[in-house]
Amino acid sequence: MKRANSVKALNIYISGIVQGVGFRPFIHRIARKSGVRGTVRNMGGSEVEIHVEGTEGEIRYFMQLLEKEKPPPAIIEEMRVEEAPFLGLNGFSILKSGKSVVRPSMIPPDIGICDHCLEEIKNPRDRRFRYAFNSCAWCGPRFSAMERVPYDRENTTMKDFPLCEKCRSEYFDEDDLRRFDAQGISCPLCGPKLWLMDQSGETLDSTDPIREAAKLLS
């Protein structure tokens, strides 16, 4: 830990279920809230590495928020805090994921749909109305969608579905609690589609494949 004008710096390594659960945007959010500067990134072993700089009070508040406000699906199994060189960083950034393994961690399971995403699906005025693949930082496919770690969109089955303009706007909006930097998000315009096929493999004309399939099975 190195002081510069009463400012200190720490490296924090966290393992557990901390990838695929909105942990990086959460760290970014509490960094802004506490006033610390620094960076966060996923690592190759599916752990998270954080570098923070600030006064003792700012860092103490950051650590309190880290313990109290972590995303609902996140589980912190181990946290190591080390002294770090003071770099004089401005602001707080989410860095490109690393590939080295500091300590093996866990890939999260698929997470059942959250109440917020469910409300969007049920709301006829929402652009994700009846969208079967709705998800956010707090819910949706994780284990079944990941092809390798770290958890980034290009390492998941969503790599073939580029974000549309509206989804990109949500992804880069630092004030969007559920979709900022959320790797698996999509919508009916840019995400996976459902379709209905008959027993011969021919695609049937249907605007609501799930409802139509239910009728055929009843």
Protein backbone atom coordinates (compact mmCIF):
# COMPACT_ATOMS: atom_id res chain seq x y z
CA MET A 1 0.00 0.00 0.00
CA LYS A 2 1.58 3.24 -1.13
CA ARG A 3 0.56 6.71 -0.02
CA ALA A 4 0.47 9.77 -2.26
CA ASN A 5 -1.08 12.89 -0.72
CA SER A 6 -2.94 10.68 1.84
CA VAL A 7 -4.21 8.45 -0.98
CA LYS A 8 -3.60 4.71 -1.05
CA ALA A 9 -4.01 1.88 -3.53
CA LEU A 10 -5.13 -1.74 -3.23
CA ASN A 11 -5.51 -4.75 -5.49
CA ILE A 12 -8.51 -6.92 -4.61
CA TYR A 13 -8.95 -10.46 -5.96
CA ILE A 14 -12.38 -12.02 -5.56
CA SER A 15 -13.35 -15.61 -6.32
CA GLY A 16 -16.67 -17.40 -6.07
CA ILE A 17 -19.67 -16.81 -8.31
CA VAL A 18 -18.54 -13.40 -9.54
CA GLN A 19 -18.66 -13.73 -13.33
CA GLY A 20 -21.92 -13.74 -15.22
CA VAL A 21 -23.80 -12.09 -12.34
CA GLY A 22 -23.32 -8.39 -13.13
CA PHE A 23 -20.31 -8.09 -10.84
CA ARG A 24 -18.16 -5.78 -12.98
CA PRO A 25 -20.91 -3.17 -13.49
CA PHE A 26 -21.72 -3.48 -9.79
CA ILE A 27 -18.09 -2.70 -8.90
CA HIS A 28 -18.13 0.21 -11.35
CA ARG A 29 -21.30 1.54 -9.73
CA ILE A 30 -20.06 1.39 -6.13
CA ALA A 31 -16.73 2.89 -7.20
CA ARG A 32 -18.59 5.93 -8.52
CA LYS A 33 -20.70 6.02 -5.36
CA SER A 34 -17.72 5.84 -2.99
CA GLY A 35 -15.44 8.10 -5.02
CA VAL A 36 -12.57 5.64 -5.54
CA ARG A 37 -10.67 5.52 -8.82
CA GLY A 38 -9.38 2.41 -10.52
CA THR A 39 -10.26 -0.56 -12.70
CA VAL A 40 -12.03 -3.92 -12.67
CA ARG A 41 -11.69 -6.89 -15.00
CA ASN A 42 -12.56 -10.55 -15.29
CA MET A 43 -9.65 -12.98 -15.21
CA GLY A 44 -9.11 -16.29 -16.98
CA GLY A 45 -9.97 -18.42 -13.97
CA SER A 46 -13.38 -16.72 -13.74
CA GLU A 47 -12.27 -14.61 -10.79
CA VAL A 48 -12.39 -10.79 -10.70
CA GLU A 49 -9.46 -8.39 -10.21
CA ILE A 50 -10.07 -4.89 -8.84
CA HIS A 51 -7.59 -2.03 -8.47
CA VAL A 52 -8.78 0.88 -6.31
CA GLU A 53 -7.20 4.18 -5.36
CA GLY A 54 -8.55 6.72 -2.90
CA THR A 55 -8.46 8.04 0.62
CA GLU A 56 -8.85 5.67 3.54
CA GLY A 57 -12.44 6.84 3.97
CA GLU A 58 -13.32 6.32 0.30
CA ILE A 59 -11.82 2.84 0.21
CA ARG A 60 -13.46 1.90 3.51
CA TYR A 61 -16.85 2.95 2.12
CA PHE A 62 -16.16 1.04 -1.11
CA MET A 63 -15.43 -2.14 0.87
CA GLN A 64 -18.61 -1.71 2.89
CA LEU A 65 -20.68 -1.38 -0.29
CA LEU A 66 -18.90 -4.40 -1.77
CA GLU A 67 -20.09 -6.54 1.13
CA LYS A 68 -23.59 -5.10 1.50
CA GLU A 69 -24.83 -4.37 -2.03
CA LYS A 70 -23.46 -7.16 -4.22
CA PRO A 71 -25.79 -8.50 -6.96
CA PRO A 72 -28.34 -11.08 -5.74
CA PRO A 73 -26.81 -14.05 -7.66
CA ALA A 74 -23.21 -13.25 -6.61
CA ILE A 75 -21.42 -15.36 -3.99
CA ILE A 76 -18.05 -14.20 -2.64
CA GLU A 77 -16.13 -17.25 -1.47
CA GLU A 78 -12.74 -15.64 -1.02
CA MET A 79 -11.36 -12.12 -1.17
CA ARG A 80 -7.67 -11.25 -1.07
CA VAL A 81 -6.55 -7.66 -0.55
CA GLU A 82 -2.99 -6.64 -1.39
CA GLU A 83 -1.02 -3.41 -1.27
CA ALA A 84 -0.57 -1.93 -4.74
CA PRO A 85 1.40 0.86 -6.41
CA PHE A 86 -0.43 4.17 -6.61
CA LEU A 87 -0.99 4.91 -10.32
CA GLY A 88 -2.84 8.21 -10.09
CA LEU A 89 -5.82 7.01 -12.14
CA ASN A 90 -8.76 9.23 -13.02
CA GLY A 91 -12.27 7.77 -12.90
CA PHE A 92 -13.11 4.08 -12.87
CA SER A 93 -13.00 1.72 -15.86
CA ILE A 94 -14.06 -1.79 -16.80
CA LEU A 95 -11.05 -3.29 -18.58
CA LYS A 96 -10.85 -5.99 -21.22
CA SER A 97 -10.80 -9.40 -19.57
CA GLY A 98 -7.49 -11.04 -18.77
CA LYS A 99 -6.52 -14.62 -19.56
CA SER A 100 -4.29 -15.53 -16.62
CA VAL A 101 -5.62 -17.70 -13.80
CA VAL A 102 -4.98 -16.16 -10.39
CA ARG A 103 -7.27 -18.58 -8.59
CA PRO A 104 -9.91 -20.93 -10.05
CA SER A 105 -13.49 -19.86 -9.45
CA MET A 106 -16.96 -21.03 -10.46
CA ILE A 107 -19.12 -20.64 -13.54
CA PRO A 108 -22.61 -19.62 -12.42
CA PRO A 109 -25.61 -21.82 -13.17
CA ASP A 110 -28.42 -20.58 -15.38
CA ILE A 111 -30.42 -18.09 -13.33
CA GLY A 112 -34.23 -18.05 -13.37
CA ILE A 113 -35.90 -14.97 -14.80
CA CYS A 114 -36.05 -12.02 -12.41
CA ASP A 115 -39.23 -10.10 -11.61
CA HIS A 116 -38.11 -7.09 -13.67
CA CYS A 117 -37.55 -9.12 -16.86
CA LEU A 118 -40.82 -10.96 -16.30
CA GLU A 119 -42.69 -7.67 -16.06
CA GLU A 120 -41.16 -6.57 -19.37
CA ILE A 121 -42.32 -9.77 -21.05
CA LYS A 122 -45.85 -9.27 -19.73
CA ASN A 123 -46.11 -5.57 -20.63
CA PRO A 124 -47.66 -5.02 -24.11
CA ARG A 125 -46.04 -1.56 -24.25
CA ASP A 126 -42.53 -2.87 -23.59
CA ARG A 127 -40.26 -3.59 -26.55
CA ARG A 128 -39.49 -7.01 -25.04
CA PHE A 129 -43.17 -8.00 -24.78
CA ARG A 130 -43.45 -11.81 -25.06
CA TYR A 131 -39.74 -12.07 -25.85
CA ALA A 132 -38.73 -15.56 -24.72
CA PHE A 133 -35.01 -14.78 -24.39
CA ASN A 134 -35.28 -11.72 -22.16
CA SER A 135 -32.50 -11.42 -19.58
CA CYS A 136 -30.37 -8.92 -17.68
CA ALA A 137 -27.33 -8.83 -15.40
CA TRP A 138 -29.34 -10.59 -12.70
CA CYS A 139 -30.91 -13.47 -14.63
CA GLY A 140 -30.79 -15.64 -17.74
CA PRO A 141 -28.58 -18.36 -19.22
CA ARG A 142 -25.04 -18.56 -17.87
CA PHE A 143 -23.60 -22.09 -17.71
CA SER A 144 -25.56 -23.29 -20.76
CA ALA A 145 -24.53 -20.22 -22.79
CA MET A 146 -20.82 -20.11 -21.90
CA GLU A 147 -18.35 -21.74 -24.26
CA ARG A 148 -15.30 -20.71 -22.23
CA VAL A 149 -14.24 -18.26 -19.54
CA PRO A 150 -14.00 -15.40 -18.87
CA TYR A 151 -17.67 -14.45 -19.16
CA ASP A 152 -17.73 -12.05 -22.11
CA ARG A 153 -20.26 -12.02 -24.93
CA GLU A 154 -17.72 -13.26 -27.47
CA ASN A 155 -17.18 -16.33 -25.28
CA THR A 156 -20.87 -17.26 -25.22
CA THR A 157 -23.51 -18.46 -27.66
CA MET A 158 -24.66 -14.82 -27.91
CA LYS A 159 -21.58 -13.94 -29.97
CA ASP A 160 -23.61 -14.53 -33.15
CA PHE A 161 -26.20 -11.91 -32.18
CA PRO A 162 -24.77 -8.36 -32.39
CA LEU A 163 -26.61 -5.82 -30.26
CA CYS A 164 -29.06 -3.48 -31.95
CA GLU A 165 -28.84 0.28 -31.35
CA LYS A 166 -31.28 0.26 -28.42
CA CYS A 167 -29.60 -2.69 -26.70
CA ARG A 168 -26.18 -1.10 -27.24
CA SER A 169 -27.49 2.07 -25.61
CA GLU A 170 -28.53 0.05 -22.55
CA TYR A 171 -25.23 -1.85 -22.52
CA PHE A 172 -23.16 1.35 -22.38
CA ASP A 173 -25.46 3.28 -20.03
CA GLU A 174 -23.60 3.43 -16.71
CA ASP A 175 -26.84 4.33 -14.91
CA ASP A 176 -28.74 1.28 -16.20
CA LEU A 177 -28.75 -0.95 -13.12
CA ARG A 178 -29.64 -4.18 -14.92
CA ARG A 179 -28.17 -3.92 -18.41
CA PHE A 180 -24.97 -1.86 -18.19
CA ASP A 181 -22.17 -4.19 -19.34
CA ALA A 182 -24.61 -7.15 -19.20
CA GLN A 183 -23.15 -9.67 -21.65
CA GLY A 184 -26.22 -11.73 -22.54
CA ILE A 185 -28.85 -9.08 -23.26
CA SER A 186 -30.90 -8.96 -26.46
CA CYS A 187 -34.35 -8.09 -27.75
CA PRO A 188 -36.73 -9.29 -30.50
CA LEU A 189 -34.88 -7.13 -33.03
CA CYS A 190 -31.34 -8.43 -32.44
CA GLY A 191 -31.62 -11.63 -30.40
CA PRO A 192 -32.46 -15.30 -31.03
CA LYS A 193 -35.80 -16.13 -32.61
CA LEU A 194 -38.35 -18.89 -32.05
CA TRP A 195 -40.12 -20.66 -34.89
CA LEU A 196 -42.51 -23.56 -35.26
CA MET A 197 -41.87 -26.58 -37.50
CA ASP A 198 -44.09 -29.49 -38.47
CA GLN A 199 -43.06 -33.15 -38.27
CA SER A 200 -41.53 -33.01 -41.74
CA GLY A 201 -39.26 -30.12 -40.79
CA GLU A 202 -41.19 -27.43 -42.66
CA THR A 203 -41.41 -24.03 -40.96
CA LEU A 204 -44.97 -23.03 -40.12
CA ASP A 205 -46.24 -19.47 -40.38
CA SER A 206 -46.81 -18.34 -36.78
CA THR A 207 -46.54 -15.00 -35.00
CA ASP A 208 -46.54 -16.70 -31.57
CA PRO A 209 -44.79 -20.11 -31.80
CA ILE A 210 -45.13 -20.90 -28.08
CA ARG A 211 -48.87 -20.25 -27.99
CA GLU A 212 -49.39 -22.14 -31.25
CA ALA A 213 -47.34 -25.12 -30.01
CA ALA A 214 -49.41 -25.21 -26.81
CA LYS A 215 -52.61 -25.31 -28.87
CA LEU A 216 -51.30 -28.16 -31.00
CA LEU A 217 -50.32 -30.15 -27.91
CA SER A 218 -53.61 -29.63 -26.08
